[in-house]
Amino acid sequence: GVKDIGQNAFNGCIGVKSVEISNTVYSI
């Protein structure tokens, strides 16, 4: 359902090890 990941959405999330993005996303 999410179509776009916003600018700076996870900027500085230094502990993030993994990301799963659904197939409805068309833009980062």
mmCIF file of all heavy atoms, coordinates in Angstrom:
data_MODEL
# 
_entry.id   MODEL 
# 
loop_
_atom_site.group_PDB 
_atom_site.id 
_atom_site.type_symbol 
_atom_site.label_atom_id 
_atom_site.label_alt_id 
_atom_site.label_comp_id 
_atom_site.label_asym_id 
_atom_site.label_entity_id 
_atom_site.label_seq_id 
_atom_site.pdbx_PDB_ins_code 
_atom_site.Cartn_x 
_atom_site.Cartn_y 
_atom_site.Cartn_z 
_atom_site.occupancy 
_atom_site.B_iso_or_equiv 
_atom_site.pdbx_formal_charge 
_atom_site.auth_seq_id 
_atom_site.auth_comp_id 
_atom_site.auth_asym_id 
_atom_site.auth_atom_id 
_atom_site.pdbx_PDB_model_num 
ATOM 1   N N   . GLY A 1 1  ? 0.806  -1.215 0.000  1.00 0.00 ? 1  GLY A N   1 
ATOM 2   C CA  . GLY A 1 1  ? 0.000  0.000  0.000  1.00 0.00 ? 1  GLY A CA  1 
ATOM 3   C C   . GLY A 1 1  ? 0.839  1.265  0.000  1.00 0.00 ? 1  GLY A C   1 
ATOM 4   O O   . GLY A 1 1  ? 0.419  2.283  -0.522 1.00 0.00 ? 1  GLY A O   1 
ATOM 5   N N   . VAL A 1 2  ? 2.037  1.180  0.571  1.00 0.00 ? 2  VAL A N   1 
ATOM 6   C CA  . VAL A 1 2  ? 2.943  2.331  0.567  1.00 0.00 ? 2  VAL A CA  1 
ATOM 7   C C   . VAL A 1 2  ? 3.523  2.452  -0.841 1.00 0.00 ? 2  VAL A C   1 
ATOM 8   O O   . VAL A 1 2  ? 4.013  1.471  -1.407 1.00 0.00 ? 2  VAL A O   1 
ATOM 9   C CB  . VAL A 1 2  ? 4.065  2.166  1.612  1.00 0.00 ? 2  VAL A CB  1 
ATOM 10  C CG1 . VAL A 1 2  ? 5.045  3.327  1.545  1.00 0.00 ? 2  VAL A CG1 1 
ATOM 11  C CG2 . VAL A 1 2  ? 3.471  2.025  3.006  1.00 0.00 ? 2  VAL A CG2 1 
ATOM 12  N N   . LYS A 1 3  ? 3.456  3.659  -1.420 1.00 0.00 ? 3  LYS A N   1 
ATOM 13  C CA  . LYS A 1 3  ? 3.899  3.855  -2.800 1.00 0.00 ? 3  LYS A CA  1 
ATOM 14  C C   . LYS A 1 3  ? 5.246  4.550  -2.912 1.00 0.00 ? 3  LYS A C   1 
ATOM 15  O O   . LYS A 1 3  ? 5.935  4.408  -3.914 1.00 0.00 ? 3  LYS A O   1 
ATOM 16  C CB  . LYS A 1 3  ? 2.852  4.659  -3.565 1.00 0.00 ? 3  LYS A CB  1 
ATOM 17  C CG  . LYS A 1 3  ? 1.539  3.926  -3.685 1.00 0.00 ? 3  LYS A CG  1 
ATOM 18  C CD  . LYS A 1 3  ? 0.530  4.761  -4.422 1.00 0.00 ? 3  LYS A CD  1 
ATOM 19  C CE  . LYS A 1 3  ? -0.783 4.003  -4.521 1.00 0.00 ? 3  LYS A CE  1 
ATOM 20  N NZ  . LYS A 1 3  ? -1.810 4.778  -5.183 1.00 0.00 ? 3  LYS A NZ  1 
ATOM 21  N N   . ASP A 1 4  ? 5.624  5.307  -1.894 1.00 0.00 ? 4  ASP A N   1 
ATOM 22  C CA  . ASP A 1 4  ? 6.813  6.143  -1.979 1.00 0.00 ? 4  ASP A CA  1 
ATOM 23  C C   . ASP A 1 4  ? 7.449  6.242  -0.590 1.00 0.00 ? 4  ASP A C   1 
ATOM 24  O O   . ASP A 1 4  ? 6.746  6.423  0.395  1.00 0.00 ? 4  ASP A O   1 
ATOM 25  C CB  . ASP A 1 4  ? 6.395  7.538  -2.466 1.00 0.00 ? 4  ASP A CB  1 
ATOM 26  C CG  . ASP A 1 4  ? 7.511  8.545  -2.386 1.00 0.00 ? 4  ASP A CG  1 
ATOM 27  O OD1 . ASP A 1 4  ? 8.347  8.556  -3.298 1.00 0.00 ? 4  ASP A OD1 1 
ATOM 28  O OD2 . ASP A 1 4  ? 7.548  9.317  -1.411 1.00 0.00 ? 4  ASP A OD2 1 
ATOM 29  N N   . ILE A 1 5  ? 8.768  6.118  -0.536 1.00 0.00 ? 5  ILE A N   1 
ATOM 30  C CA  . ILE A 1 5  ? 9.509  6.325  0.705  1.00 0.00 ? 5  ILE A CA  1 
ATOM 31  C C   . ILE A 1 5  ? 10.019 7.755  0.676  1.00 0.00 ? 5  ILE A C   1 
ATOM 32  O O   . ILE A 1 5  ? 10.736 8.150  -0.246 1.00 0.00 ? 5  ILE A O   1 
ATOM 33  C CB  . ILE A 1 5  ? 10.663 5.322  0.847  1.00 0.00 ? 5  ILE A CB  1 
ATOM 34  C CG1 . ILE A 1 5  ? 10.097 3.892  0.919  1.00 0.00 ? 5  ILE A CG1 1 
ATOM 35  C CG2 . ILE A 1 5  ? 11.512 5.638  2.072  1.00 0.00 ? 5  ILE A CG2 1 
ATOM 36  C CD1 . ILE A 1 5  ? 11.136 2.804  0.888  1.00 0.00 ? 5  ILE A CD1 1 
ATOM 37  N N   . GLY A 1 6  ? 9.654  8.537  1.661  1.00 0.00 ? 6  GLY A N   1 
ATOM 38  C CA  . GLY A 1 6  ? 9.949  9.965  1.678  1.00 0.00 ? 6  GLY A CA  1 
ATOM 39  C C   . GLY A 1 6  ? 11.419 10.321 1.849  1.00 0.00 ? 6  GLY A C   1 
ATOM 40  O O   . GLY A 1 6  ? 12.227 9.546  2.350  1.00 0.00 ? 6  GLY A O   1 
ATOM 41  N N   . GLN A 1 7  ? 11.729 11.537 1.437  1.00 0.00 ? 7  GLN A N   1 
ATOM 42  C CA  . GLN A 1 7  ? 13.073 12.105 1.582  1.00 0.00 ? 7  GLN A CA  1 
ATOM 43  C C   . GLN A 1 7  ? 13.480 12.092 3.057  1.00 0.00 ? 7  GLN A C   1 
ATOM 44  O O   . GLN A 1 7  ? 12.692 12.474 3.922  1.00 0.00 ? 7  GLN A O   1 
ATOM 45  C CB  . GLN A 1 7  ? 13.044 13.535 1.049  1.00 0.00 ? 7  GLN A CB  1 
ATOM 46  C CG  . GLN A 1 7  ? 14.340 14.273 1.174  1.00 0.00 ? 7  GLN A CG  1 
ATOM 47  C CD  . GLN A 1 7  ? 14.223 15.652 0.547  1.00 0.00 ? 7  GLN A CD  1 
ATOM 48  O OE1 . GLN A 1 7  ? 13.681 15.802 -0.541 1.00 0.00 ? 7  GLN A OE1 1 
ATOM 49  N NE2 . GLN A 1 7  ? 14.714 16.650 1.244  1.00 0.00 ? 7  GLN A NE2 1 
ATOM 50  N N   . ASN A 1 8  ? 14.684 11.622 3.344  1.00 0.00 ? 8  ASN A N   1 
ATOM 51  C CA  . ASN A 1 8  ? 15.247 11.559 4.701  1.00 0.00 ? 8  ASN A CA  1 
ATOM 52  C C   . ASN A 1 8  ? 14.423 10.708 5.675  1.00 0.00 ? 8  ASN A C   1 
ATOM 53  O O   . ASN A 1 8  ? 14.584 10.834 6.888  1.00 0.00 ? 8  ASN A O   1 
ATOM 54  C CB  . ASN A 1 8  ? 15.422 12.961 5.295  1.00 0.00 ? 8  ASN A CB  1 
ATOM 55  C CG  . ASN A 1 8  ? 16.497 13.745 4.599  1.00 0.00 ? 8  ASN A CG  1 
ATOM 56  O OD1 . ASN A 1 8  ? 17.605 13.275 4.435  1.00 0.00 ? 8  ASN A OD1 1 
ATOM 57  N ND2 . ASN A 1 8  ? 16.158 14.943 4.150  1.00 0.00 ? 8  ASN A ND2 1 
ATOM 58  N N   . ALA A 1 9  ? 13.565 9.825  5.171  1.00 0.00 ? 9  ALA A N   1 
ATOM 59  C CA  . ALA A 1 9  ? 12.657 9.054  6.028  1.00 0.00 ? 9  ALA A CA  1 
ATOM 60  C C   . ALA A 1 9  ? 13.381 8.243  7.097  1.00 0.00 ? 9  ALA A C   1 
ATOM 61  O O   . ALA A 1 9  ? 12.881 8.098  8.207  1.00 0.00 ? 9  ALA A O   1 
ATOM 62  C CB  . ALA A 1 9  ? 11.783 8.133  5.183  1.00 0.00 ? 9  ALA A CB  1 
ATOM 63  N N   . PHE A 1 10 ? 14.564 7.732  6.779  1.00 0.00 ? 10 PHE A N   1 
ATOM 64  C CA  . PHE A 1 10 ? 15.307 6.913  7.746  1.00 0.00 ? 10 PHE A CA  1 
ATOM 65  C C   . PHE A 1 10 ? 16.733 7.430  7.938  1.00 0.00 ? 10 PHE A C   1 
ATOM 66  O O   . PHE A 1 10 ? 17.584 6.731  8.474  1.00 0.00 ? 10 PHE A O   1 
ATOM 67  C CB  . PHE A 1 10 ? 15.304 5.448  7.303  1.00 0.00 ? 10 PHE A CB  1 
ATOM 68  C CG  . PHE A 1 10 ? 13.917 4.946  7.030  1.00 0.00 ? 10 PHE A CG  1 
ATOM 69  C CD1 . PHE A 1 10 ? 13.470 4.763  5.740  1.00 0.00 ? 10 PHE A CD1 1 
ATOM 70  C CD2 . PHE A 1 10 ? 13.035 4.725  8.066  1.00 0.00 ? 10 PHE A CD2 1 
ATOM 71  C CE1 . PHE A 1 10 ? 12.181 4.338  5.480  1.00 0.00 ? 10 PHE A CE1 1 
ATOM 72  C CE2 . PHE A 1 10 ? 11.735 4.309  7.832  1.00 0.00 ? 10 PHE A CE2 1 
ATOM 73  C CZ  . PHE A 1 10 ? 11.310 4.108  6.530  1.00 0.00 ? 10 PHE A CZ  1 
ATOM 74  N N   . ASN A 1 11 ? 16.986 8.645  7.511  1.00 0.00 ? 11 ASN A N   1 
ATOM 75  C CA  . ASN A 1 11 ? 18.292 9.277  7.635  1.00 0.00 ? 11 ASN A CA  1 
ATOM 76  C C   . ASN A 1 11 ? 18.727 9.299  9.102  1.00 0.00 ? 11 ASN A C   1 
ATOM 77  O O   . ASN A 1 11 ? 18.030 9.841  9.945  1.00 0.00 ? 11 ASN A O   1 
ATOM 78  C CB  . ASN A 1 11 ? 18.247 10.695 7.071  1.00 0.00 ? 11 ASN A CB  1 
ATOM 79  C CG  . ASN A 1 11 ? 19.573 11.412 7.139  1.00 0.00 ? 11 ASN A CG  1 
ATOM 80  O OD1 . ASN A 1 11 ? 20.605 10.827 7.454  1.00 0.00 ? 11 ASN A OD1 1 
ATOM 81  N ND2 . ASN A 1 11 ? 19.551 12.693 6.842  1.00 0.00 ? 11 ASN A ND2 1 
ATOM 82  N N   . GLY A 1 12 ? 19.846 8.691  9.394  1.00 0.00 ? 12 GLY A N   1 
ATOM 83  C CA  . GLY A 1 12 ? 20.369 8.700  10.751 1.00 0.00 ? 12 GLY A CA  1 
ATOM 84  C C   . GLY A 1 12 ? 19.891 7.561  11.629 1.00 0.00 ? 12 GLY A C   1 
ATOM 85  O O   . GLY A 1 12 ? 20.191 7.532  12.817 1.00 0.00 ? 12 GLY A O   1 
ATOM 86  N N   . CYS A 1 13 ? 19.150 6.619  11.074 1.00 0.00 ? 13 CYS A N   1 
ATOM 87  C CA  . CYS A 1 13 ? 18.725 5.441  11.840 1.00 0.00 ? 13 CYS A CA  1 
ATOM 88  C C   . CYS A 1 13 ? 19.911 4.466  11.877 1.00 0.00 ? 13 CYS A C   1 
ATOM 89  O O   . CYS A 1 13 ? 19.952 3.472  11.158 1.00 0.00 ? 13 CYS A O   1 
ATOM 90  C CB  . CYS A 1 13 ? 17.498 4.791  11.203 1.00 0.00 ? 13 CYS A CB  1 
ATOM 91  S SG  . CYS A 1 13 ? 15.993 5.763  11.303 1.00 0.00 ? 13 CYS A SG  1 
ATOM 92  N N   . ILE A 1 14 ? 20.896 4.790  12.709 1.00 0.00 ? 14 ILE A N   1 
ATOM 93  C CA  . ILE A 1 14 ? 22.184 4.093  12.686 1.00 0.00 ? 14 ILE A CA  1 
ATOM 94  C C   . ILE A 1 14 ? 22.128 2.635  13.122 1.00 0.00 ? 14 ILE A C   1 
ATOM 95  O O   . ILE A 1 14 ? 23.011 1.858  12.788 1.00 0.00 ? 14 ILE A O   1 
ATOM 96  C CB  . ILE A 1 14 ? 23.239 4.840  13.531 1.00 0.00 ? 14 ILE A CB  1 
ATOM 97  C CG1 . ILE A 1 14 ? 22.786 4.963  14.989 1.00 0.00 ? 14 ILE A CG1 1 
ATOM 98  C CG2 . ILE A 1 14 ? 23.532 6.208  12.938 1.00 0.00 ? 14 ILE A CG2 1 
ATOM 99  C CD1 . ILE A 1 14 ? 23.845 5.524  15.912 1.00 0.00 ? 14 ILE A CD1 1 
ATOM 100 N N   . GLY A 1 15 ? 21.091 2.216  13.822 1.00 0.00 ? 15 GLY A N   1 
ATOM 101 C CA  . GLY A 1 15 ? 20.997 0.831  14.279 1.00 0.00 ? 15 GLY A CA  1 
ATOM 102 C C   . GLY A 1 15 ? 20.292 -0.111 13.322 1.00 0.00 ? 15 GLY A C   1 
ATOM 103 O O   . GLY A 1 15 ? 20.269 -1.323 13.535 1.00 0.00 ? 15 GLY A O   1 
ATOM 104 N N   . VAL A 1 16 ? 19.720 0.426  12.239 1.00 0.00 ? 16 VAL A N   1 
ATOM 105 C CA  . VAL A 1 16 ? 18.969 -0.406 11.296 1.00 0.00 ? 16 VAL A CA  1 
ATOM 106 C C   . VAL A 1 16 ? 19.898 -1.376 10.584 1.00 0.00 ? 16 VAL A C   1 
ATOM 107 O O   . VAL A 1 16 ? 20.894 -0.976 9.982  1.00 0.00 ? 16 VAL A O   1 
ATOM 108 C CB  . VAL A 1 16 ? 18.214 0.459  10.267 1.00 0.00 ? 16 VAL A CB  1 
ATOM 109 C CG1 . VAL A 1 16 ? 17.592 -0.399 9.179  1.00 0.00 ? 16 VAL A CG1 1 
ATOM 110 C CG2 . VAL A 1 16 ? 17.165 1.291  10.949 1.00 0.00 ? 16 VAL A CG2 1 
ATOM 111 N N   . LYS A 1 17 ? 19.564 -2.658 10.668 1.00 0.00 ? 17 LYS A N   1 
ATOM 112 C CA  . LYS A 1 17 ? 20.357 -3.704 10.022 1.00 0.00 ? 17 LYS A CA  1 
ATOM 113 C C   . LYS A 1 17 ? 19.697 -4.236 8.759  1.00 0.00 ? 17 LYS A C   1 
ATOM 114 O O   . LYS A 1 17 ? 20.384 -4.663 7.832  1.00 0.00 ? 17 LYS A O   1 
ATOM 115 C CB  . LYS A 1 17 ? 20.590 -4.845 11.000 1.00 0.00 ? 17 LYS A CB  1 
ATOM 116 C CG  . LYS A 1 17 ? 21.423 -4.445 12.196 1.00 0.00 ? 17 LYS A CG  1 
ATOM 117 C CD  . LYS A 1 17 ? 21.592 -5.581 13.171 1.00 0.00 ? 17 LYS A CD  1 
ATOM 118 C CE  . LYS A 1 17 ? 22.390 -5.093 14.369 1.00 0.00 ? 17 LYS A CE  1 
ATOM 119 N NZ  . LYS A 1 17 ? 22.528 -6.105 15.400 1.00 0.00 ? 17 LYS A NZ  1 
ATOM 120 N N   . SER A 1 18 ? 18.353 -4.242 8.710  1.00 0.00 ? 18 SER A N   1 
ATOM 121 C CA  . SER A 1 18 ? 17.671 -4.794 7.538  1.00 0.00 ? 18 SER A CA  1 
ATOM 122 C C   . SER A 1 18 ? 16.405 -4.011 7.227  1.00 0.00 ? 18 SER A C   1 
ATOM 123 O O   . SER A 1 18 ? 15.767 -3.436 8.108  1.00 0.00 ? 18 SER A O   1 
ATOM 124 C CB  . SER A 1 18 ? 17.340 -6.270 7.756  1.00 0.00 ? 18 SER A CB  1 
ATOM 125 O OG  . SER A 1 18 ? 16.450 -6.419 8.838  1.00 0.00 ? 18 SER A OG  1 
ATOM 126 N N   . VAL A 1 19 ? 16.051 -4.018 5.915  1.00 0.00 ? 19 VAL A N   1 
ATOM 127 C CA  . VAL A 1 19 ? 14.871 -3.311 5.427  1.00 0.00 ? 19 VAL A CA  1 
ATOM 128 C C   . VAL A 1 19 ? 14.148 -4.211 4.434  1.00 0.00 ? 19 VAL A C   1 
ATOM 129 O O   . VAL A 1 19 ? 14.780 -4.779 3.539  1.00 0.00 ? 19 VAL A O   1 
ATOM 130 C CB  . VAL A 1 19 ? 15.254 -1.982 4.728  1.00 0.00 ? 19 VAL A CB  1 
ATOM 131 C CG1 . VAL A 1 19 ? 14.026 -1.276 4.185  1.00 0.00 ? 19 VAL A CG1 1 
ATOM 132 C CG2 . VAL A 1 19 ? 16.021 -1.071 5.669  1.00 0.00 ? 19 VAL A CG2 1 
ATOM 133 N N   . GLU A 1 20 ? 12.835 -4.322 4.596  1.00 0.00 ? 20 GLU A N   1 
ATOM 134 C CA  . GLU A 1 20 ? 11.993 -5.042 3.647  1.00 0.00 ? 20 GLU A CA  1 
ATOM 135 C C   . GLU A 1 20 ? 11.025 -4.032 3.041  1.00 0.00 ? 20 GLU A C   1 
ATOM 136 O O   . GLU A 1 20 ? 10.305 -3.359 3.770  1.00 0.00 ? 20 GLU A O   1 
ATOM 137 C CB  . GLU A 1 20 ? 11.186 -6.129 4.344  1.00 0.00 ? 20 GLU A CB  1 
ATOM 138 C CG  . GLU A 1 20 ? 12.012 -7.250 4.927  1.00 0.00 ? 20 GLU A CG  1 
ATOM 139 C CD  . GLU A 1 20 ? 11.140 -8.238 5.681  1.00 0.00 ? 20 GLU A CD  1 
ATOM 140 O OE1 . GLU A 1 20 ? 10.065 -8.615 5.160  1.00 0.00 ? 20 GLU A OE1 1 
ATOM 141 O OE2 . GLU A 1 20 ? 11.535 -8.611 6.791  1.00 0.00 ? 20 GLU A OE2 1 
ATOM 142 N N   . ILE A 1 21 ? 11.012 -3.949 1.720  1.00 0.00 ? 21 ILE A N   1 
ATOM 143 C CA  . ILE A 1 21 ? 10.158 -2.995 1.019  1.00 0.00 ? 21 ILE A CA  1 
ATOM 144 C C   . ILE A 1 21 ? 9.159  -3.770 0.166  1.00 0.00 ? 21 ILE A C   1 
ATOM 145 O O   . ILE A 1 21 ? 9.556  -4.626 -0.628 1.00 0.00 ? 21 ILE A O   1 
ATOM 146 C CB  . ILE A 1 21 ? 11.001 -2.056 0.133  1.00 0.00 ? 21 ILE A CB  1 
ATOM 147 C CG1 . ILE A 1 21 ? 12.018 -1.291 0.994  1.00 0.00 ? 21 ILE A CG1 1 
ATOM 148 C CG2 . ILE A 1 21 ? 10.113 -1.098 -0.644 1.00 0.00 ? 21 ILE A CG2 1 
ATOM 149 C CD1 . ILE A 1 21 ? 13.019 -0.474 0.203  1.00 0.00 ? 21 ILE A CD1 1 
ATOM 150 N N   . SER A 1 22 ? 7.867  -3.458 0.319  1.00 0.00 ? 22 SER A N   1 
ATOM 151 C CA  . SER A 1 22 ? 6.832  -4.180 -0.430 1.00 0.00 ? 22 SER A CA  1 
ATOM 152 C C   . SER A 1 22 ? 6.884  -3.825 -1.912 1.00 0.00 ? 22 SER A C   1 
ATOM 153 O O   . SER A 1 22 ? 7.473  -2.816 -2.317 1.00 0.00 ? 22 SER A O   1 
ATOM 154 C CB  . SER A 1 22 ? 5.450  -3.860 0.131  1.00 0.00 ? 22 SER A CB  1 
ATOM 155 O OG  . SER A 1 22 ? 5.055  -2.554 -0.251 1.00 0.00 ? 22 SER A OG  1 
ATOM 156 N N   . ASN A 1 23 ? 6.207  -4.644 -2.709 1.00 0.00 ? 23 ASN A N   1 
ATOM 157 C CA  . ASN A 1 23 ? 6.225  -4.435 -4.154 1.00 0.00 ? 23 ASN A CA  1 
ATOM 158 C C   . ASN A 1 23 ? 5.240  -3.363 -4.622 1.00 0.00 ? 23 ASN A C   1 
ATOM 159 O O   . ASN A 1 23 ? 5.015  -3.219 -5.816 1.00 0.00 ? 23 ASN A O   1 
ATOM 160 C CB  . ASN A 1 23 ? 5.978  -5.750 -4.893 1.00 0.00 ? 23 ASN A CB  1 
ATOM 161 C CG  . ASN A 1 23 ? 4.632  -6.351 -4.583 1.00 0.00 ? 23 ASN A CG  1 
ATOM 162 O OD1 . ASN A 1 23 ? 3.801  -5.736 -3.936 1.00 0.00 ? 23 ASN A OD1 1 
ATOM 163 N ND2 . ASN A 1 23 ? 4.415  -7.561 -5.042 1.00 0.00 ? 23 ASN A ND2 1 
ATOM 164 N N   . THR A 1 24 ? 4.670  -2.584 -3.704 1.00 0.00 ? 24 THR A N   1 
ATOM 165 C CA  . THR A 1 24 ? 3.842  -1.442 -4.110 1.00 0.00 ? 24 THR A CA  1 
ATOM 166 C C   . THR A 1 24 ? 4.658  -0.148 -4.133 1.00 0.00 ? 24 THR A C   1 
ATOM 167 O O   . THR A 1 24 ? 4.182  0.866  -4.636 1.00 0.00 ? 24 THR A O   1 
ATOM 168 C CB  . THR A 1 24 ? 2.622  -1.268 -3.171 1.00 0.00 ? 24 THR A CB  1 
ATOM 169 O OG1 . THR A 1 24 ? 3.073  -1.083 -1.825 1.00 0.00 ? 24 THR A OG1 1 
ATOM 170 C CG2 . THR A 1 24 ? 1.699  -2.475 -3.249 1.00 0.00 ? 24 THR A CG2 1 
ATOM 171 N N   . VAL A 1 25 ? 5.871  -0.188 -3.604 1.00 0.00 ? 25 VAL A N   1 
ATOM 172 C CA  . VAL A 1 25 ? 6.734  1.001  -3.570 1.00 0.00 ? 25 VAL A CA  1 
ATOM 173 C C   . VAL A 1 25 ? 7.365  1.196  -4.950 1.00 0.00 ? 25 VAL A C   1 
ATOM 174 O O   . VAL A 1 25 ? 7.947  0.273  -5.515 1.00 0.00 ? 25 VAL A O   1 
ATOM 175 C CB  . VAL A 1 25 ? 7.831  0.872  -2.484 1.00 0.00 ? 25 VAL A CB  1 
ATOM 176 C CG1 . VAL A 1 25 ? 8.799  2.044  -2.555 1.00 0.00 ? 25 VAL A CG1 1 
ATOM 177 C CG2 . VAL A 1 25 ? 7.207  0.786  -1.101 1.00 0.00 ? 25 VAL A CG2 1 
ATOM 178 N N   . TYR A 1 26 ? 7.249  2.405  -5.498 1.00 0.00 ? 26 TYR A N   1 
ATOM 179 C CA  . TYR A 1 26 ? 7.825  2.711  -6.804 1.00 0.00 ? 26 TYR A CA  1 
ATOM 180 C C   . TYR A 1 26 ? 8.951  3.745  -6.740 1.00 0.00 ? 26 TYR A C   1 
ATOM 181 O O   . TYR A 1 26 ? 9.683  3.941  -7.701 1.00 0.00 ? 26 TYR A O   1 
ATOM 182 C CB  . TYR A 1 26 ? 6.747  3.186  -7.776 1.00 0.00 ? 26 TYR A CB  1 
ATOM 183 C CG  . TYR A 1 26 ? 6.122  4.510  -7.390 1.00 0.00 ? 26 TYR A CG  1 
ATOM 184 C CD1 . TYR A 1 26 ? 6.701  5.708  -7.790 1.00 0.00 ? 26 TYR A CD1 1 
ATOM 185 C CD2 . TYR A 1 26 ? 4.969  4.567  -6.617 1.00 0.00 ? 26 TYR A CD2 1 
ATOM 186 C CE1 . TYR A 1 26 ? 6.155  6.926  -7.417 1.00 0.00 ? 26 TYR A CE1 1 
ATOM 187 C CE2 . TYR A 1 26 ? 4.410  5.786  -6.246 1.00 0.00 ? 26 TYR A CE2 1 
ATOM 188 C CZ  . TYR A 1 26 ? 5.007  6.946  -6.660 1.00 0.00 ? 26 TYR A CZ  1 
ATOM 189 O OH  . TYR A 1 26 ? 4.461  8.154  -6.282 1.00 0.00 ? 26 TYR A OH  1 
ATOM 190 N N   . SER A 1 27 ? 9.121  4.418  -5.587 1.00 0.00 ? 27 SER A N   1 
ATOM 191 C CA  . SER A 1 27 ? 10.093 5.494  -5.507 1.00 0.00 ? 27 SER A CA  1 
ATOM 192 C C   . SER A 1 27 ? 10.708 5.588  -4.106 1.00 0.00 ? 27 SER A C   1 
ATOM 193 O O   . SER A 1 27 ? 10.008 5.412  -3.108 1.00 0.00 ? 27 SER A O   1 
ATOM 194 C CB  . SER A 1 27 ? 9.390  6.817  -5.841 1.00 0.00 ? 27 SER A CB  1 
ATOM 195 O OG  . SER A 1 27 ? 10.257 7.908  -5.688 1.00 0.00 ? 27 SER A OG  1 
ATOM 196 N N   . ILE A 1 28 ? 12.012 5.878  -4.065 1.00 0.00 ? 28 ILE A N   1 
ATOM 197 C CA  . ILE A 1 28 ? 12.721 6.098  -2.805 1.00 0.00 ? 28 ILE A CA  1 
ATOM 198 C C   . ILE A 1 28 ? 13.305 7.506  -2.859 1.00 0.00 ? 28 ILE A C   1 
ATOM 199 O O   . ILE A 1 28 ? 14.075 7.827  -3.759 1.00 0.00 ? 28 ILE A O   1 
ATOM 200 C CB  . ILE A 1 28 ? 13.830 5.055  -2.581 1.00 0.00 ? 28 ILE A CB  1 
ATOM 201 C CG1 . ILE A 1 28 ? 13.223 3.650  -2.512 1.00 0.00 ? 28 ILE A CG1 1 
ATOM 202 C CG2 . ILE A 1 28 ? 14.615 5.367  -1.303 1.00 0.00 ? 28 ILE A CG2 1 
ATOM 203 C CD1 . ILE A 1 28 ? 14.236 2.530  -2.394 1.00 0.00 ? 28 ILE A CD1 1 
# 
